[in-house]
Amino acid sequence: MEAGKGLVGEVLQGVVSSNQNVHGFFDSFWWAMSTVTTVGYGDIYPVTTEGRIVAIFLMLTGIGTLGVYTAAIANYVIRQNRDSGQG
């Protein structure tokens, strides 16, 4: 590992240098955002083991975040209905 680069930098460098669809930081960022938001268009995808590990983490983070927000909204609606006597 190069000094000052860190693990994330090493992984991103591996993704950028080995994936023909990733041409720079913006492409890496696009892939991360489409993965974490569970959209995943498939235009950019990891081809290395390290990249796939990062993708798994991002997918679980995106799904978990979506689940937390959905549960919070459902909790709010249920409380409102229960407090107003509708449910």
PDB file of N, CA and C in Angstrom:
ATOM      1  N   MET A   1       0.847  -1.167   0.000  1.00  0.00           N
ATOM      2  CA  MET A   1       0.000   0.000   0.000  1.00  0.00           C
ATOM      3  C   MET A   1       0.897   1.237   0.000  1.00  0.00           C
ATOM      4  N   GLU A   2       0.602   2.178  -0.866  1.00  0.00           N
ATOM      5  CA  GLU A   2       1.375   3.411  -0.927  1.00  0.00           C
ATOM      6  C   GLU A   2       1.103   4.271   0.291  1.00  0.00           C
ATOM      7  N   ALA A   3       2.136   5.000   0.739  1.00  0.00           N
ATOM      8  CA  ALA A   3       1.992   5.853   1.913  1.00  0.00           C
ATOM      9  C   ALA A   3       0.982   6.966   1.645  1.00  0.00           C
ATOM     10  N   GLY A   4       0.066   7.179   2.591  1.00  0.00           N
ATOM     11  CA  GLY A   4      -0.897   8.268   2.491  1.00  0.00           C
ATOM     12  C   GLY A   4      -2.106   7.981   1.622  1.00  0.00           C
ATOM     13  N   LYS A   5      -2.140   6.843   0.968  1.00  0.00           N
ATOM     14  CA  LYS A   5      -3.252   6.544   0.067  1.00  0.00           C
ATOM     15  C   LYS A   5      -4.421   5.912   0.808  1.00  0.00           C
ATOM     16  N   GLY A   6      -4.152   5.009   1.704  1.00  0.00           N
ATOM     17  CA  GLY A   6      -5.201   4.364   2.478  1.00  0.00           C
ATOM     18  C   GLY A   6      -5.852   3.229   1.723  1.00  0.00           C
ATOM     19  N   LEU A   7      -6.619   2.451   2.453  1.00  0.00           N
ATOM     20  CA  LEU A   7      -7.280   1.272   1.880  1.00  0.00           C
ATOM     21  C   LEU A   7      -8.309   1.646   0.830  1.00  0.00           C
ATOM     22  N   VAL A   8      -9.125   2.673   1.108  1.00  0.00           N
ATOM     23  CA  VAL A   8     -10.158   3.080   0.144  1.00  0.00           C
ATOM     24  C   VAL A   8      -9.507   3.557  -1.148  1.00  0.00           C
ATOM     25  N   GLY A   9      -8.441   4.326  -1.039  1.00  0.00           N
ATOM     26  CA  GLY A   9      -7.729   4.796  -2.226  1.00  0.00           C
ATOM     27  C   GLY A   9      -7.161   3.646  -3.037  1.00  0.00           C
ATOM     28  N   GLU A  10      -6.629   2.649  -2.342  1.00  0.00           N
ATOM     29  CA  GLU A  10      -6.092   1.476  -3.032  1.00  0.00           C
ATOM     30  C   GLU A  10      -7.189   0.726  -3.784  1.00  0.00           C
ATOM     31  N   VAL A  11      -8.326   0.533  -3.139  1.00  0.00           N
ATOM     32  CA  VAL A  11      -9.434  -0.188  -3.763  1.00  0.00           C
ATOM     33  C   VAL A  11      -9.956   0.588  -4.957  1.00  0.00           C
ATOM     34  N   LEU A  12     -10.182   1.903  -4.788  1.00  0.00           N
ATOM     35  CA  LEU A  12     -10.677   2.711  -5.908  1.00  0.00           C
ATOM     36  C   LEU A  12      -9.680   2.728  -7.061  1.00  0.00           C
ATOM     37  N   GLN A  13      -8.402   2.783  -6.748  1.00  0.00           N
ATOM     38  CA  GLN A  13      -7.391   2.738  -7.809  1.00  0.00           C
ATOM     39  C   GLN A  13      -7.466   1.411  -8.545  1.00  0.00           C
ATOM     40  N   GLY A  14      -7.688   0.331  -7.793  1.00  0.00           N
ATOM     41  CA  GLY A  14      -7.824  -0.981  -8.423  1.00  0.00           C
ATOM     42  C   GLY A  14      -9.048  -1.056  -9.309  1.00  0.00           C
ATOM     43  N   VAL A  15     -10.147  -0.466  -8.874  1.00  0.00           N
ATOM     44  CA  VAL A  15     -11.372  -0.456  -9.674  1.00  0.00           C
ATOM     45  C   VAL A  15     -11.168   0.366 -10.936  1.00  0.00           C
ATOM     46  N   VAL A  16     -10.581   1.555 -10.779  1.00  0.00           N
ATOM     47  CA  VAL A  16     -10.386   2.449 -11.923  1.00  0.00           C
ATOM     48  C   VAL A  16      -9.408   1.860 -12.920  1.00  0.00           C
ATOM     49  N   SER A  17      -8.327   1.250 -12.457  1.00  0.00           N
ATOM     50  CA  SER A  17      -7.307   0.778 -13.381  1.00  0.00           C
ATOM     51  C   SER A  17      -7.677  -0.532 -14.067  1.00  0.00           C
ATOM     52  N   SER A  18      -8.602  -1.315 -13.488  1.00  0.00           N
ATOM     53  CA  SER A  18      -8.892  -2.622 -14.070  1.00  0.00           C
ATOM     54  C   SER A  18     -10.248  -2.696 -14.771  1.00  0.00           C
ATOM     55  N   ASN A  19     -11.067  -1.686 -14.653  1.00  0.00           N
ATOM     56  CA  ASN A  19     -12.393  -1.714 -15.265  1.00  0.00           C
ATOM     57  C   ASN A  19     -12.397  -0.789 -16.474  1.00  0.00           C
ATOM     58  N   GLN A  20     -12.709  -1.334 -17.625  1.00  0.00           N
ATOM     59  CA  GLN A  20     -12.687  -0.548 -18.858  1.00  0.00           C
ATOM     60  C   GLN A  20     -13.798   0.491 -18.912  1.00  0.00           C
ATOM     61  N   ASN A  21     -14.834   0.338 -18.091  1.00  0.00           N
ATOM     62  CA  ASN A  21     -15.939   1.288 -18.086  1.00  0.00           C
ATOM     63  C   ASN A  21     -15.704   2.483 -17.181  1.00  0.00           C
ATOM     64  N   VAL A  22     -14.676   2.426 -16.340  1.00  0.00           N
ATOM     65  CA  VAL A  22     -14.390   3.500 -15.393  1.00  0.00           C
ATOM     66  C   VAL A  22     -13.178   4.274 -15.909  1.00  0.00           C
ATOM     67  N   HIS A  23     -13.425   5.557 -16.203  1.00  0.00           N
ATOM     68  CA  HIS A  23     -12.363   6.377 -16.786  1.00  0.00           C
ATOM     69  C   HIS A  23     -11.866   7.470 -15.853  1.00  0.00           C
ATOM     70  N   GLY A  24     -12.380   7.531 -14.655  1.00  0.00           N
ATOM     71  CA  GLY A  24     -11.938   8.556 -13.727  1.00  0.00           C
ATOM     72  C   GLY A  24     -12.778   8.597 -12.471  1.00  0.00           C
ATOM     73  N   PHE A  25     -12.550   9.627 -11.670  1.00  0.00           N
ATOM     74  CA  PHE A  25     -13.236   9.757 -10.384  1.00  0.00           C
ATOM     75  C   PHE A  25     -14.743   9.870 -10.565  1.00  0.00           C
ATOM     76  N   PHE A  26     -15.206  10.652 -11.528  1.00  0.00           N
ATOM     77  CA  PHE A  26     -16.649  10.823 -11.703  1.00  0.00           C
ATOM     78  C   PHE A  26     -17.330   9.501 -12.022  1.00  0.00           C
ATOM     79  N   ASP A  27     -16.731   8.685 -12.869  1.00  0.00           N
ATOM     80  CA  ASP A  27     -17.304   7.368 -13.166  1.00  0.00           C
ATOM     81  C   ASP A  27     -17.363   6.510 -11.909  1.00  0.00           C
ATOM     82  N   SER A  28     -16.330   6.568 -11.071  1.00  0.00           N
ATOM     83  CA  SER A  28     -16.327   5.823  -9.813  1.00  0.00           C
ATOM     84  C   SER A  28     -17.434   6.324  -8.894  1.00  0.00           C
ATOM     85  N   PHE A  29     -17.590   7.648  -8.836  1.00  0.00           N
ATOM     86  CA  PHE A  29     -18.619   8.250  -8.003  1.00  0.00           C
ATOM     87  C   PHE A  29     -20.006   7.878  -8.516  1.00  0.00           C
ATOM     88  N   TRP A  30     -20.194   7.912  -9.827  1.00  0.00           N
ATOM     89  CA  TRP A  30     -21.467   7.529 -10.440  1.00  0.00           C
ATOM     90  C   TRP A  30     -21.818   6.094 -10.066  1.00  0.00           C
ATOM     91  N   TRP A  31     -20.842   5.201 -10.179  1.00  0.00           N
ATOM     92  CA  TRP A  31     -21.073   3.798  -9.834  1.00  0.00           C
ATOM     93  C   TRP A  31     -21.459   3.666  -8.372  1.00  0.00           C
ATOM     94  N   ALA A  32     -20.753   4.356  -7.478  1.00  0.00           N
ATOM     95  CA  ALA A  32     -21.041   4.265  -6.048  1.00  0.00           C
ATOM     96  C   ALA A  32     -22.444   4.784  -5.733  1.00  0.00           C
ATOM     97  N   MET A  33     -22.814   5.903  -6.319  1.00  0.00           N
ATOM     98  CA  MET A  33     -24.128   6.479  -6.037  1.00  0.00           C
ATOM     99  C   MET A  33     -25.256   5.623  -6.612  1.00  0.00           C
ATOM    100  N   SER A  34     -25.079   5.097  -7.816  1.00  0.00           N
ATOM    101  CA  SER A  34     -26.143   4.258  -8.377  1.00  0.00           C
ATOM    102  C   SER A  34     -26.259   2.941  -7.622  1.00  0.00           C
ATOM    103  N   THR A  35     -25.165   2.491  -7.026  1.00  0.00           N
ATOM    104  CA  THR A  35     -25.199   1.262  -6.244  1.00  0.00           C
ATOM    105  C   THR A  35     -25.827   1.489  -4.877  1.00  0.00           C
ATOM    106  N   VAL A  36     -25.412   2.561  -4.196  1.00  0.00           N
ATOM    107  CA  VAL A  36     -25.915   2.803  -2.842  1.00  0.00           C
ATOM    108  C   VAL A  36     -27.394   3.186  -2.850  1.00  0.00           C
ATOM    109  N   THR A  37     -27.878   3.744  -3.940  1.00  0.00           N
ATOM    110  CA  THR A  37     -29.299   4.078  -4.033  1.00  0.00           C
ATOM    111  C   THR A  37     -30.106   2.917  -4.606  1.00  0.00           C
ATOM    112  N   THR A  38     -29.501   1.783  -4.761  1.00  0.00           N
ATOM    113  CA  THR A  38     -30.089   0.525  -5.232  1.00  0.00           C
ATOM    114  C   THR A  38     -30.641   0.613  -6.652  1.00  0.00           C
ATOM    115  N   VAL A  39     -30.165   1.574  -7.430  1.00  0.00           N
ATOM    116  CA  VAL A  39     -30.584   1.677  -8.824  1.00  0.00           C
ATOM    117  C   VAL A  39     -29.779   0.707  -9.665  1.00  0.00           C
ATOM    118  N   GLY A  40     -28.454   0.830  -9.637  1.00  0.00           N
ATOM    119  CA  GLY A  40     -27.558  -0.098 -10.308  1.00  0.00           C
ATOM    120  C   GLY A  40     -27.871  -0.329 -11.773  1.00  0.00           C
ATOM    121  N   TYR A  41     -27.620   0.660 -12.611  1.00  0.00           N
ATOM    122  CA  TYR A  41     -27.942   0.572 -14.033  1.00  0.00           C
ATOM    123  C   TYR A  41     -27.216  -0.556 -14.755  1.00  0.00           C
ATOM    124  N   GLY A  42     -26.046  -0.931 -14.304  1.00  0.00           N
ATOM    125  CA  GLY A  42     -25.290  -1.982 -14.955  1.00  0.00           C
ATOM    126  C   GLY A  42     -24.306  -1.480 -15.990  1.00  0.00           C
ATOM    127  N   ASP A  43     -24.254  -0.149 -16.207  1.00  0.00           N
ATOM    128  CA  ASP A  43     -23.306   0.391 -17.177  1.00  0.00           C
ATOM    129  C   ASP A  43     -21.885   0.353 -16.637  1.00  0.00           C
ATOM    130  N   ILE A  44     -21.730   0.481 -15.340  1.00  0.00           N
ATOM    131  CA  ILE A  44     -20.432   0.376 -14.682  1.00  0.00           C
ATOM    132  C   ILE A  44     -20.592  -0.644 -13.567  1.00  0.00           C
ATOM    133  N   TYR A  45     -19.709  -1.615 -13.526  1.00  0.00           N
ATOM    134  CA  TYR A  45     -19.796  -2.661 -12.524  1.00  0.00           C
ATOM    135  C   TYR A  45     -18.386  -3.105 -12.144  1.00  0.00           C
ATOM    136  N   PRO A  46     -18.213  -3.581 -10.915  1.00  0.00           N
ATOM    137  CA  PRO A  46     -16.882  -3.981 -10.477  1.00  0.00           C
ATOM    138  C   PRO A  46     -16.447  -5.281 -11.134  1.00  0.00           C
ATOM    139  N   VAL A  47     -15.164  -5.361 -11.457  1.00  0.00           N
ATOM    140  CA  VAL A  47     -14.633  -6.571 -12.067  1.00  0.00           C
ATOM    141  C   VAL A  47     -13.563  -7.229 -11.195  1.00  0.00           C
ATOM    142  N   THR A  48     -13.104  -6.539 -10.145  1.00  0.00           N
ATOM    143  CA  THR A  48     -12.111  -7.107  -9.251  1.00  0.00           C
ATOM    144  C   THR A  48     -12.778  -7.573  -7.967  1.00  0.00           C
ATOM    145  N   THR A  49     -12.099  -8.428  -7.248  1.00  0.00           N
ATOM    146  CA  THR A  49     -12.628  -8.906  -5.969  1.00  0.00           C
ATOM    147  C   THR A  49     -12.807  -7.751  -5.001  1.00  0.00           C
ATOM    148  N   GLU A  50     -11.831  -6.848  -4.939  1.00  0.00           N
ATOM    149  CA  GLU A  50     -11.923  -5.704  -4.039  1.00  0.00           C
ATOM    150  C   GLU A  50     -13.107  -4.816  -4.399  1.00  0.00           C
ATOM    151  N   GLY A  51     -13.296  -4.585  -5.680  1.00  0.00           N
ATOM    152  CA  GLY A  51     -14.413  -3.779  -6.142  1.00  0.00           C
ATOM    153  C   GLY A  51     -15.750  -4.418  -5.815  1.00  0.00           C
ATOM    154  N   ARG A  52     -15.817  -5.719  -5.931  1.00  0.00           N
ATOM    155  CA  ARG A  52     -17.060  -6.422  -5.607  1.00  0.00           C
ATOM    156  C   ARG A  52     -17.355  -6.383  -4.110  1.00  0.00           C
ATOM    157  N   ILE A  53     -16.311  -6.432  -3.287  1.00  0.00           N
ATOM    158  CA  ILE A  53     -16.497  -6.301  -1.837  1.00  0.00           C
ATOM    159  C   ILE A  53     -17.043  -4.924  -1.501  1.00  0.00           C
ATOM    160  N   VAL A  54     -16.482  -3.891  -2.118  1.00  0.00           N
ATOM    161  CA  VAL A  54     -16.988  -2.532  -1.917  1.00  0.00           C
ATOM    162  C   VAL A  54     -18.438  -2.451  -2.393  1.00  0.00           C
ATOM    163  N   ALA A  55     -18.754  -3.076  -3.523  1.00  0.00           N
ATOM    164  CA  ALA A  55     -20.117  -3.057  -4.057  1.00  0.00           C
ATOM    165  C   ALA A  55     -21.092  -3.731  -3.091  1.00  0.00           C
ATOM    166  N   ILE A  56     -20.685  -4.839  -2.503  1.00  0.00           N
ATOM    167  CA  ILE A  56     -21.548  -5.523  -1.538  1.00  0.00           C
ATOM    168  C   ILE A  56     -21.835  -4.604  -0.363  1.00  0.00           C
ATOM    169  N   PHE A  57     -20.789  -3.939   0.145  1.00  0.00           N
ATOM    170  CA  PHE A  57     -20.968  -3.006   1.251  1.00  0.00           C
ATOM    171  C   PHE A  57     -21.926  -1.879   0.869  1.00  0.00           C
ATOM    172  N   LEU A  58     -21.746  -1.322  -0.320  1.00  0.00           N
ATOM    173  CA  LEU A  58     -22.615  -0.237  -0.767  1.00  0.00           C
ATOM    174  C   LEU A  58     -24.058  -0.701  -0.948  1.00  0.00           C
ATOM    175  N   MET A  59     -24.240  -1.895  -1.482  1.00  0.00           N
ATOM    176  CA  MET A  59     -25.595  -2.417  -1.670  1.00  0.00           C
ATOM    177  C   MET A  59     -26.291  -2.608  -0.324  1.00  0.00           C
ATOM    178  N   LEU A  60     -25.587  -3.205   0.631  1.00  0.00           N
ATOM    179  CA  LEU A  60     -26.181  -3.406   1.952  1.00  0.00           C
ATOM    180  C   LEU A  60     -26.471  -2.081   2.636  1.00  0.00           C
ATOM    181  N   THR A  61     -25.584  -1.116   2.458  1.00  0.00           N
ATOM    182  CA  THR A  61     -25.810   0.214   3.031  1.00  0.00           C
ATOM    183  C   THR A  61     -27.046   0.856   2.409  1.00  0.00           C
ATOM    184  N   GLY A  62     -27.179   0.779   1.099  1.00  0.00           N
ATOM    185  CA  GLY A  62     -28.331   1.365   0.417  1.00  0.00           C
ATOM    186  C   GLY A  62     -29.634   0.711   0.826  1.00  0.00           C
ATOM    187  N   ILE A  63     -29.640  -0.611   0.873  1.00  0.00           N
ATOM    188  CA  ILE A  63     -30.850  -1.332   1.259  1.00  0.00           C
ATOM    189  C   ILE A  63     -31.193  -1.046   2.718  1.00  0.00           C
ATOM    190  N   GLY A  64     -30.178  -1.025   3.572  1.00  0.00           N
ATOM    191  CA  GLY A  64     -30.401  -0.733   4.992  1.00  0.00           C
ATOM    192  C   GLY A  64     -30.936   0.669   5.210  1.00  0.00           C
ATOM    193  N   THR A  65     -30.379   1.638   4.505  1.00  0.00           N
ATOM    194  CA  THR A  65     -30.837   3.017   4.632  1.00  0.00           C
ATOM    195  C   THR A  65     -32.281   3.140   4.166  1.00  0.00           C
ATOM    196  N   LEU A  66     -32.605   2.530   3.058  1.00  0.00           N
ATOM    197  CA  LEU A  66     -33.973   2.552   2.557  1.00  0.00           C
ATOM    198  C   LEU A  66     -34.932   1.911   3.563  1.00  0.00           C
ATOM    199  N   GLY A  67     -34.517   0.818   4.169  1.00  0.00           N
ATOM    200  CA  GLY A  67     -35.339   0.151   5.164  1.00  0.00           C
ATOM    201  C   GLY A  67     -35.572   1.006   6.401  1.00  0.00           C
ATOM    202  N   VAL A  68     -34.548   1.714   6.844  1.00  0.00           N
ATOM    203  CA  VAL A  68     -34.684   2.584   8.020  1.00  0.00           C
ATOM    204  C   VAL A  68     -35.673   3.707   7.738  1.00  0.00           C
ATOM    205  N   TYR A  69     -35.553   4.358   6.600  1.00  0.00           N
ATOM    206  CA  TYR A  69     -36.480   5.438   6.248  1.00  0.00           C
ATOM    207  C   TYR A  69     -37.913   4.929   6.095  1.00  0.00           C
ATOM    208  N   THR A  70     -38.071   3.789   5.472  1.00  0.00           N
ATOM    209  CA  THR A  70     -39.404   3.216   5.305  1.00  0.00           C
ATOM    210  C   THR A  70     -40.026   2.885   6.659  1.00  0.00           C
ATOM    211  N   ALA A  71     -39.234   2.315   7.563  1.00  0.00           N
ATOM    212  CA  ALA A  71     -39.735   1.993   8.901  1.00  0.00           C
ATOM    213  C   ALA A  71     -40.104   3.254   9.680  1.00  0.00           C
ATOM    214  N   ALA A  72     -39.304   4.316   9.533  1.00  0.00           N
ATOM    215  CA  ALA A  72     -39.597   5.569  10.236  1.00  0.00           C
ATOM    216  C   ALA A  72     -40.904   6.180   9.735  1.00  0.00           C
ATOM    217  N   ILE A  73     -41.123   6.149   8.439  1.00  0.00           N
ATOM    218  CA  ILE A  73     -42.367   6.687   7.872  1.00  0.00           C
ATOM    219  C   ILE A  73     -43.558   5.845   8.327  1.00  0.00           C
ATOM    220  N   ALA A  74     -43.426   4.528   8.291  1.00  0.00           N
ATOM    221  CA  ALA A  74     -44.514   3.649   8.735  1.00  0.00           C
ATOM    222  C   ALA A  74     -44.821   3.873  10.213  1.00  0.00           C
ATOM    223  N   ASN A  75     -43.789   4.035  11.026  1.00  0.00           N
ATOM    224  CA  ASN A  75     -43.972   4.298  12.445  1.00  0.00           C
ATOM    225  C   ASN A  75     -44.730   5.605  12.662  1.00  0.00           C
ATOM    226  N   TYR A  76     -44.383   6.626  11.925  1.00  0.00           N
ATOM    227  CA  TYR A  76     -45.055   7.920  12.035  1.00  0.00           C
ATOM    228  C   TYR A  76     -46.543   7.797  11.674  1.00  0.00           C
ATOM    229  N   VAL A  77     -46.840   7.133  10.575  1.00  0.00           N
ATOM    230  CA  VAL A  77     -48.229   6.977  10.123  1.00  0.00           C
ATOM    231  C   VAL A  77     -49.035   6.170  11.139  1.00  0.00           C
ATOM    232  N   ILE A  78     -48.466   5.095  11.648  1.00  0.00           N
ATOM    233  CA  ILE A  78     -49.173   4.260  12.621  1.00  0.00           C
ATOM    234  C   ILE A  78     -49.452   5.043  13.900  1.00  0.00           C
ATOM    235  N   ARG A  79     -48.474   5.802  14.368  1.00  0.00           N
ATOM    236  CA  ARG A  79     -48.686   6.612  15.579  1.00  0.00           C
ATOM    237  C   ARG A  79     -49.756   7.665  15.366  1.00  0.00           C
ATOM    238  N   GLN A  80     -49.742   8.298  14.212  1.00  0.00           N
ATOM    239  CA  GLN A  80     -50.749   9.321  13.930  1.00  0.00           C
ATOM    240  C   GLN A  80     -52.142   8.710  13.921  1.00  0.00           C
ATOM    241  N   ASN A  81     -52.280   7.554  13.301  1.00  0.00           N
ATOM    242  CA  ASN A  81     -53.578   6.871  13.265  1.00  0.00           C
ATOM    243  C   ASN A  81     -54.014   6.424  14.652  1.00  0.00           C
ATOM    244  N   ARG A  82     -53.096   5.899  15.436  1.00  0.00           N
ATOM    245  CA  ARG A  82     -53.423   5.415  16.776  1.00  0.00           C
ATOM    246  C   ARG A  82     -53.784   6.577  17.700  1.00  0.00           C
ATOM    247  N   ASP A  83     -53.035   7.677  17.612  1.00  0.00           N
ATOM    248  CA  ASP A  83     -53.299   8.831  18.471  1.00  0.00           C
ATOM    249  C   ASP A  83     -54.604   9.535  18.125  1.00  0.00           C
ATOM    250  N   SER A  84     -55.005   9.471  16.877  1.00  0.00           N
ATOM    251  CA  SER A  84     -56.253  10.139  16.481  1.00  0.00           C
ATOM    252  C   SER A  84     -57.465   9.216  16.604  1.00  0.00           C
ATOM    253  N   GLY A  85     -57.252   7.972  16.991  1.00  0.00           N
ATOM    254  CA  GLY A  85     -58.354   7.049  17.181  1.00  0.00           C
ATOM    255  C   GLY A  85     -58.848   6.384  15.918  1.00  0.00           C
ATOM    256  N   GLN A  86     -58.065   6.475  14.825  1.00  0.00           N
ATOM    257  CA  GLN A  86     -58.498   5.878  13.546  1.00  0.00           C
ATOM    258  C   GLN A  86     -58.041   4.433  13.403  1.00  0.00           C
ATOM    259  N   GLY A  87     -57.169   3.978  14.244  1.00  0.00           N
ATOM    260  CA  GLY A  87     -56.644   2.649  13.996  1.00  0.00           C
ATOM    261  C   GLY A  87     -56.691   1.782  15.112  1.00  0.00           C
TER     262      GLY A  87
END
